[in-house]
Amino acid sequence: MSENEALPSELTYTKEHEWTRMKGGEVEVGITRFAADQLGDVVFVELPEVGTTVTADTPFGVVESVKSVSDLYAPVSGKVTATNAELGDAPELVNESPYGTGWMLRIKPDDATDQGKLLSAEEYDALTKED
């Protein structure tokens, strides 16, 4: 993570380096700055179709960078309600603004308590310092 960029405390995180934000009953998902920095320049993002059902802790898509290809993991179970179409033409948004315009998808969760199983910013920060 960039030294001068704080980890957003209002978000929750997964051990696989995804972040989540509650937005009107839906969970917005992206990857963290730490993950984006580890990947290097993102060149392609593969996301599920709107309407697809995803399951917590299982892959929902792929992010490809100049260094590697990595699975993206669903932080919660539910139905995909939106994907970030801009990433098709501009996958670099994941590197430029991972917590903003680089978001990946929105999920209508099956169980609102799934969100409570995720890591706080402090817990995620400690996890990345172990890596």
N, C-alpha and C. Protein backbone atom coordinates (compact mmCIF):
# COMPACT_ATOMS: atom_id res chain seq x y z
N MET A 1 0.85 -1.18 0.00
CA MET A 1 0.00 0.00 0.00
C MET A 1 0.89 1.24 0.00
N SER A 2 0.46 2.25 -0.72
CA SER A 2 1.21 3.50 -0.74
C SER A 2 1.29 4.05 0.67
N GLU A 3 2.45 4.52 1.03
CA GLU A 3 2.65 5.01 2.39
C GLU A 3 1.72 6.17 2.74
N ASN A 4 1.38 7.01 1.73
CA ASN A 4 0.57 8.20 2.03
C ASN A 4 -0.92 7.97 1.81
N GLU A 5 -1.33 6.73 1.53
CA GLU A 5 -2.76 6.44 1.34
C GLU A 5 -3.26 5.59 2.50
N ALA A 6 -4.19 6.14 3.27
CA ALA A 6 -4.73 5.41 4.40
C ALA A 6 -5.72 4.35 3.91
N LEU A 7 -5.81 3.27 4.63
CA LEU A 7 -6.77 2.22 4.35
C LEU A 7 -8.14 2.72 4.79
N PRO A 8 -9.13 2.77 3.89
CA PRO A 8 -10.44 3.31 4.27
C PRO A 8 -11.07 2.51 5.42
N SER A 9 -11.33 3.17 6.53
CA SER A 9 -11.83 2.48 7.73
C SER A 9 -13.30 2.10 7.62
N GLU A 10 -14.05 2.74 6.69
CA GLU A 10 -15.48 2.43 6.56
C GLU A 10 -15.73 1.15 5.75
N LEU A 11 -14.69 0.60 5.14
CA LEU A 11 -14.83 -0.60 4.34
C LEU A 11 -14.52 -1.84 5.19
N THR A 12 -14.98 -3.02 4.69
CA THR A 12 -14.57 -4.28 5.28
C THR A 12 -13.75 -5.02 4.23
N TYR A 13 -13.00 -6.02 4.66
CA TYR A 13 -12.00 -6.65 3.80
C TYR A 13 -12.01 -8.16 3.94
N THR A 14 -11.49 -8.84 2.90
CA THR A 14 -11.33 -10.29 2.95
C THR A 14 -9.84 -10.62 3.05
N LYS A 15 -9.55 -11.84 3.45
CA LYS A 15 -8.16 -12.29 3.50
C LYS A 15 -7.58 -12.43 2.10
N GLU A 16 -8.45 -12.49 1.08
CA GLU A 16 -8.00 -12.60 -0.31
C GLU A 16 -7.82 -11.22 -0.96
N HIS A 17 -7.93 -10.15 -0.17
CA HIS A 17 -7.63 -8.78 -0.59
C HIS A 17 -8.73 -8.09 -1.39
N GLU A 18 -10.00 -8.48 -1.14
CA GLU A 18 -11.12 -7.71 -1.68
C GLU A 18 -11.62 -6.78 -0.58
N TRP A 19 -12.24 -5.67 -0.99
CA TRP A 19 -12.89 -4.78 -0.05
C TRP A 19 -14.39 -4.77 -0.34
N THR A 20 -15.18 -4.39 0.65
CA THR A 20 -16.63 -4.26 0.46
C THR A 20 -17.12 -2.95 1.08
N ARG A 21 -18.17 -2.43 0.46
CA ARG A 21 -18.83 -1.21 0.95
C ARG A 21 -20.34 -1.42 0.82
N MET A 22 -21.09 -1.22 1.90
CA MET A 22 -22.55 -1.29 1.82
C MET A 22 -23.06 -0.05 1.10
N LYS A 23 -23.93 -0.30 0.12
CA LYS A 23 -24.47 0.80 -0.68
C LYS A 23 -25.93 0.48 -0.99
N GLY A 24 -26.85 1.06 -0.22
CA GLY A 24 -28.27 0.87 -0.48
C GLY A 24 -28.72 -0.58 -0.45
N GLY A 25 -28.27 -1.35 0.52
CA GLY A 25 -28.68 -2.75 0.63
C GLY A 25 -27.88 -3.70 -0.24
N GLU A 26 -26.93 -3.16 -0.99
CA GLU A 26 -26.05 -3.98 -1.82
C GLU A 26 -24.62 -3.85 -1.31
N VAL A 27 -23.82 -4.83 -1.68
CA VAL A 27 -22.41 -4.84 -1.29
C VAL A 27 -21.58 -4.54 -2.53
N GLU A 28 -20.89 -3.40 -2.52
CA GLU A 28 -19.98 -3.06 -3.61
C GLU A 28 -18.64 -3.71 -3.31
N VAL A 29 -17.99 -4.25 -4.35
CA VAL A 29 -16.76 -5.04 -4.17
C VAL A 29 -15.68 -4.55 -5.12
N GLY A 30 -14.45 -4.55 -4.60
CA GLY A 30 -13.27 -4.25 -5.42
C GLY A 30 -12.07 -4.93 -4.79
N ILE A 31 -10.89 -4.67 -5.34
CA ILE A 31 -9.69 -5.19 -4.70
C ILE A 31 -8.96 -4.04 -4.02
N THR A 32 -8.18 -4.38 -3.02
CA THR A 32 -7.50 -3.37 -2.22
C THR A 32 -6.29 -2.77 -2.94
N ARG A 33 -5.85 -1.64 -2.45
CA ARG A 33 -4.62 -1.01 -2.96
C ARG A 33 -3.45 -1.98 -2.82
N PHE A 34 -3.39 -2.70 -1.69
CA PHE A 34 -2.33 -3.68 -1.47
C PHE A 34 -2.32 -4.70 -2.61
N ALA A 35 -3.49 -5.24 -2.95
CA ALA A 35 -3.59 -6.24 -4.03
C ALA A 35 -3.21 -5.62 -5.37
N ALA A 36 -3.71 -4.43 -5.63
CA ALA A 36 -3.40 -3.77 -6.90
C ALA A 36 -1.89 -3.52 -7.04
N ASP A 37 -1.26 -3.11 -5.95
CA ASP A 37 0.19 -2.88 -5.97
C ASP A 37 0.95 -4.18 -6.18
N GLN A 38 0.48 -5.27 -5.56
CA GLN A 38 1.14 -6.57 -5.71
C GLN A 38 1.01 -7.08 -7.15
N LEU A 39 -0.15 -6.84 -7.76
CA LEU A 39 -0.39 -7.31 -9.13
C LEU A 39 0.42 -6.55 -10.15
N GLY A 40 0.62 -5.26 -9.92
CA GLY A 40 1.23 -4.41 -10.95
C GLY A 40 0.14 -3.89 -11.87
N ASP A 41 0.51 -3.50 -13.08
CA ASP A 41 -0.44 -2.89 -14.00
C ASP A 41 -1.51 -3.88 -14.44
N VAL A 42 -2.77 -3.60 -14.08
CA VAL A 42 -3.89 -4.46 -14.46
C VAL A 42 -4.22 -4.20 -15.93
N VAL A 43 -4.31 -5.29 -16.71
CA VAL A 43 -4.58 -5.18 -18.14
C VAL A 43 -5.93 -5.78 -18.56
N PHE A 44 -6.56 -6.56 -17.67
CA PHE A 44 -7.83 -7.20 -18.02
C PHE A 44 -8.55 -7.62 -16.75
N VAL A 45 -9.87 -7.42 -16.73
CA VAL A 45 -10.70 -7.86 -15.61
C VAL A 45 -11.88 -8.64 -16.19
N GLU A 46 -12.08 -9.87 -15.71
CA GLU A 46 -13.21 -10.69 -16.12
C GLU A 46 -14.19 -10.77 -14.96
N LEU A 47 -15.42 -10.31 -15.21
CA LEU A 47 -16.45 -10.27 -14.17
C LEU A 47 -17.66 -11.09 -14.60
N PRO A 48 -18.47 -11.56 -13.64
CA PRO A 48 -19.66 -12.33 -14.00
C PRO A 48 -20.74 -11.44 -14.60
N GLU A 49 -21.70 -12.07 -15.26
CA GLU A 49 -22.86 -11.36 -15.80
C GLU A 49 -23.76 -10.90 -14.66
N VAL A 50 -24.45 -9.79 -14.87
CA VAL A 50 -25.48 -9.35 -13.93
C VAL A 50 -26.52 -10.46 -13.85
N GLY A 51 -26.95 -10.78 -12.64
CA GLY A 51 -27.92 -11.85 -12.42
C GLY A 51 -27.28 -13.15 -11.97
N THR A 52 -25.96 -13.25 -12.11
CA THR A 52 -25.23 -14.44 -11.67
C THR A 52 -25.27 -14.53 -10.15
N THR A 53 -25.41 -15.74 -9.63
CA THR A 53 -25.33 -15.97 -8.19
C THR A 53 -23.89 -16.30 -7.84
N VAL A 54 -23.36 -15.62 -6.82
CA VAL A 54 -22.00 -15.88 -6.35
C VAL A 54 -22.07 -16.42 -4.92
N THR A 55 -21.04 -17.18 -4.56
CA THR A 55 -20.98 -17.79 -3.25
C THR A 55 -19.76 -17.26 -2.50
N ALA A 56 -19.95 -16.89 -1.25
CA ALA A 56 -18.87 -16.36 -0.42
C ALA A 56 -17.66 -17.29 -0.45
N ASP A 57 -16.49 -16.70 -0.54
CA ASP A 57 -15.20 -17.39 -0.49
C ASP A 57 -14.91 -18.26 -1.72
N THR A 58 -15.67 -18.07 -2.80
CA THR A 58 -15.38 -18.78 -4.04
C THR A 58 -15.12 -17.77 -5.15
N PRO A 59 -14.34 -18.15 -6.16
CA PRO A 59 -14.01 -17.20 -7.23
C PRO A 59 -15.24 -16.73 -8.01
N PHE A 60 -15.25 -15.43 -8.33
CA PHE A 60 -16.32 -14.87 -9.17
C PHE A 60 -15.77 -14.29 -10.46
N GLY A 61 -14.47 -14.13 -10.55
CA GLY A 61 -13.87 -13.54 -11.73
C GLY A 61 -12.36 -13.63 -11.66
N VAL A 62 -11.74 -12.90 -12.62
CA VAL A 62 -10.28 -12.94 -12.75
C VAL A 62 -9.77 -11.53 -13.01
N VAL A 63 -8.61 -11.24 -12.44
CA VAL A 63 -7.91 -10.00 -12.76
C VAL A 63 -6.54 -10.40 -13.30
N GLU A 64 -6.20 -9.82 -14.46
CA GLU A 64 -4.94 -10.14 -15.11
C GLU A 64 -4.07 -8.89 -15.14
N SER A 65 -2.81 -9.07 -14.77
CA SER A 65 -1.87 -7.96 -14.79
C SER A 65 -0.67 -8.35 -15.65
N VAL A 66 0.25 -7.42 -15.78
CA VAL A 66 1.46 -7.72 -16.54
C VAL A 66 2.29 -8.80 -15.83
N LYS A 67 2.05 -9.00 -14.53
CA LYS A 67 2.81 -9.99 -13.75
C LYS A 67 2.13 -11.34 -13.63
N SER A 68 0.78 -11.35 -13.50
CA SER A 68 0.10 -12.61 -13.18
C SER A 68 -1.40 -12.54 -13.47
N VAL A 69 -2.04 -13.69 -13.28
CA VAL A 69 -3.50 -13.80 -13.35
C VAL A 69 -3.95 -14.27 -11.97
N SER A 70 -4.94 -13.58 -11.39
CA SER A 70 -5.42 -13.93 -10.05
C SER A 70 -6.93 -14.03 -10.03
N ASP A 71 -7.43 -15.01 -9.26
CA ASP A 71 -8.87 -15.13 -9.05
C ASP A 71 -9.35 -14.01 -8.14
N LEU A 72 -10.60 -13.62 -8.35
CA LEU A 72 -11.29 -12.68 -7.47
C LEU A 72 -12.31 -13.50 -6.67
N TYR A 73 -12.38 -13.28 -5.37
CA TYR A 73 -13.24 -14.07 -4.49
C TYR A 73 -14.41 -13.25 -3.97
N ALA A 74 -15.58 -13.87 -3.98
CA ALA A 74 -16.79 -13.21 -3.48
C ALA A 74 -16.71 -13.07 -1.96
N PRO A 75 -16.90 -11.88 -1.44
CA PRO A 75 -16.87 -11.68 0.01
C PRO A 75 -18.17 -12.14 0.68
N VAL A 76 -19.27 -12.14 -0.08
CA VAL A 76 -20.56 -12.56 0.43
C VAL A 76 -21.28 -13.37 -0.65
N SER A 77 -22.27 -14.14 -0.23
CA SER A 77 -23.11 -14.88 -1.19
C SER A 77 -24.28 -14.00 -1.59
N GLY A 78 -24.68 -14.10 -2.86
CA GLY A 78 -25.82 -13.34 -3.33
C GLY A 78 -25.85 -13.25 -4.84
N LYS A 79 -26.68 -12.33 -5.33
CA LYS A 79 -26.86 -12.15 -6.77
C LYS A 79 -26.16 -10.87 -7.22
N VAL A 80 -25.41 -10.96 -8.33
CA VAL A 80 -24.74 -9.81 -8.91
C VAL A 80 -25.80 -8.88 -9.50
N THR A 81 -25.81 -7.62 -9.03
CA THR A 81 -26.78 -6.65 -9.51
C THR A 81 -26.18 -5.63 -10.47
N ALA A 82 -24.85 -5.50 -10.46
CA ALA A 82 -24.18 -4.54 -11.35
C ALA A 82 -22.72 -4.92 -11.46
N THR A 83 -22.14 -4.61 -12.61
CA THR A 83 -20.69 -4.72 -12.79
C THR A 83 -20.19 -3.40 -13.33
N ASN A 84 -18.93 -3.13 -13.13
CA ASN A 84 -18.32 -1.88 -13.58
C ASN A 84 -17.90 -2.03 -15.04
N ALA A 85 -18.78 -1.61 -15.95
CA ALA A 85 -18.53 -1.75 -17.39
C ALA A 85 -17.30 -0.97 -17.84
N GLU A 86 -16.94 0.08 -17.12
CA GLU A 86 -15.76 0.88 -17.50
C GLU A 86 -14.47 0.06 -17.48
N LEU A 87 -14.43 -0.99 -16.66
CA LEU A 87 -13.20 -1.79 -16.56
C LEU A 87 -12.89 -2.54 -17.84
N GLY A 88 -13.90 -2.77 -18.69
CA GLY A 88 -13.66 -3.43 -19.97
C GLY A 88 -12.72 -2.63 -20.85
N ASP A 89 -12.92 -1.32 -20.90
CA ASP A 89 -12.07 -0.45 -21.72
C ASP A 89 -10.93 0.18 -20.94
N ALA A 90 -11.06 0.21 -19.62
CA ALA A 90 -10.05 0.89 -18.79
C ALA A 90 -9.74 0.09 -17.53
N PRO A 91 -9.13 -1.12 -17.68
CA PRO A 91 -8.83 -1.93 -16.50
C PRO A 91 -7.84 -1.25 -15.55
N GLU A 92 -7.11 -0.26 -16.05
CA GLU A 92 -6.14 0.46 -15.22
C GLU A 92 -6.81 1.23 -14.09
N LEU A 93 -8.14 1.41 -14.15
CA LEU A 93 -8.86 2.07 -13.05
C LEU A 93 -8.67 1.31 -11.74
N VAL A 94 -8.45 -0.01 -11.83
CA VAL A 94 -8.21 -0.81 -10.63
C VAL A 94 -6.95 -0.33 -9.92
N ASN A 95 -5.92 0.04 -10.68
CA ASN A 95 -4.68 0.56 -10.10
C ASN A 95 -4.83 2.02 -9.69
N GLU A 96 -5.50 2.80 -10.51
CA GLU A 96 -5.59 4.24 -10.28
C GLU A 96 -6.50 4.60 -9.12
N SER A 97 -7.61 3.86 -8.96
CA SER A 97 -8.60 4.20 -7.95
C SER A 97 -9.29 2.94 -7.43
N PRO A 98 -8.55 2.08 -6.72
CA PRO A 98 -9.13 0.80 -6.30
C PRO A 98 -10.36 0.93 -5.40
N TYR A 99 -10.44 2.01 -4.62
CA TYR A 99 -11.58 2.20 -3.71
C TYR A 99 -12.65 3.11 -4.30
N GLY A 100 -12.46 3.56 -5.53
CA GLY A 100 -13.41 4.48 -6.17
C GLY A 100 -13.85 3.95 -7.52
N THR A 101 -13.37 4.56 -8.60
CA THR A 101 -13.81 4.19 -9.95
C THR A 101 -13.34 2.80 -10.37
N GLY A 102 -12.45 2.18 -9.59
CA GLY A 102 -11.98 0.82 -9.89
C GLY A 102 -12.81 -0.27 -9.24
N TRP A 103 -13.98 0.07 -8.69
CA TRP A 103 -14.86 -0.96 -8.10
C TRP A 103 -15.19 -1.99 -9.18
N MET A 104 -15.57 -3.19 -8.77
CA MET A 104 -15.79 -4.27 -9.74
C MET A 104 -17.25 -4.69 -9.90
N LEU A 105 -17.93 -4.96 -8.80
CA LEU A 105 -19.32 -5.38 -8.90
C LEU A 105 -20.10 -5.07 -7.66
N ARG A 106 -21.43 -5.22 -7.77
CA ARG A 106 -22.33 -5.07 -6.63
C ARG A 106 -23.13 -6.35 -6.49
N ILE A 107 -23.31 -6.77 -5.24
CA ILE A 107 -24.01 -8.02 -4.92
C ILE A 107 -25.15 -7.71 -3.97
N LYS A 108 -26.34 -8.25 -4.27
CA LYS A 108 -27.46 -8.22 -3.32
C LYS A 108 -27.26 -9.44 -2.44
N PRO A 109 -26.84 -9.25 -1.17
CA PRO A 109 -26.48 -10.40 -0.34
C PRO A 109 -27.69 -11.25 0.05
N ASP A 110 -27.47 -12.57 0.09
CA ASP A 110 -28.49 -13.51 0.57
C ASP A 110 -28.71 -13.34 2.06
N ASP A 111 -27.63 -13.02 2.77
CA ASP A 111 -27.67 -12.93 4.23
C ASP A 111 -26.87 -11.70 4.66
N ALA A 112 -27.56 -10.72 5.20
CA ALA A 112 -26.90 -9.47 5.59
C ALA A 112 -25.81 -9.68 6.64
N THR A 113 -25.86 -10.80 7.38
CA THR A 113 -24.86 -11.03 8.42
C THR A 113 -23.52 -11.50 7.84
N ASP A 114 -23.49 -11.89 6.56
CA ASP A 114 -22.22 -12.26 5.92
C ASP A 114 -21.18 -11.14 6.05
N GLN A 115 -21.65 -9.91 5.94
CA GLN A 115 -20.77 -8.74 6.00
C GLN A 115 -20.02 -8.70 7.33
N GLY A 116 -20.66 -9.16 8.40
CA GLY A 116 -20.05 -9.14 9.73
C GLY A 116 -18.91 -10.12 9.89
N LYS A 117 -18.74 -11.03 8.94
CA LYS A 117 -17.66 -12.03 9.02
C LYS A 117 -16.37 -11.52 8.38
N LEU A 118 -16.42 -10.33 7.81
CA LEU A 118 -15.25 -9.78 7.12
C LEU A 118 -14.34 -9.04 8.08
N LEU A 119 -13.16 -8.69 7.61
CA LEU A 119 -12.15 -8.03 8.44
C LEU A 119 -12.36 -6.52 8.49
N SER A 120 -12.05 -5.93 9.63
CA SER A 120 -12.04 -4.47 9.75
C SER A 120 -10.76 -3.96 9.09
N ALA A 121 -10.68 -2.65 8.90
CA ALA A 121 -9.47 -2.06 8.32
C ALA A 121 -8.24 -2.40 9.17
N GLU A 122 -8.39 -2.36 10.49
CA GLU A 122 -7.26 -2.64 11.38
C GLU A 122 -6.81 -4.10 11.23
N GLU A 123 -7.80 -5.02 11.16
CA GLU A 123 -7.46 -6.44 11.01
C GLU A 123 -6.80 -6.71 9.65
N TYR A 124 -7.32 -6.06 8.60
CA TYR A 124 -6.74 -6.25 7.26
C TYR A 124 -5.32 -5.66 7.22
N ASP A 125 -5.14 -4.50 7.80
CA ASP A 125 -3.82 -3.87 7.83
C ASP A 125 -2.81 -4.78 8.51
N ALA A 126 -3.20 -5.41 9.62
CA ALA A 126 -2.31 -6.34 10.32
C ALA A 126 -2.00 -7.55 9.43
N LEU A 127 -3.00 -8.04 8.70
CA LEU A 127 -2.80 -9.16 7.79
C LEU A 127 -1.77 -8.84 6.70
N THR A 128 -1.86 -7.64 6.14
CA THR A 128 -0.94 -7.28 5.05
C THR A 128 0.49 -7.05 5.57
N LYS A 129 0.61 -6.70 6.82
CA LYS A 129 1.95 -6.52 7.38
C LYS A 129 2.62 -7.87 7.63
N GLU A 130 1.80 -8.95 7.78
CA GLU A 130 2.36 -10.30 7.95
C GLU A 130 2.89 -10.85 6.63
N ASP A 131 2.24 -10.45 5.50
CA ASP A 131 2.61 -10.98 4.18
C ASP A 131 3.99 -10.56 3.74
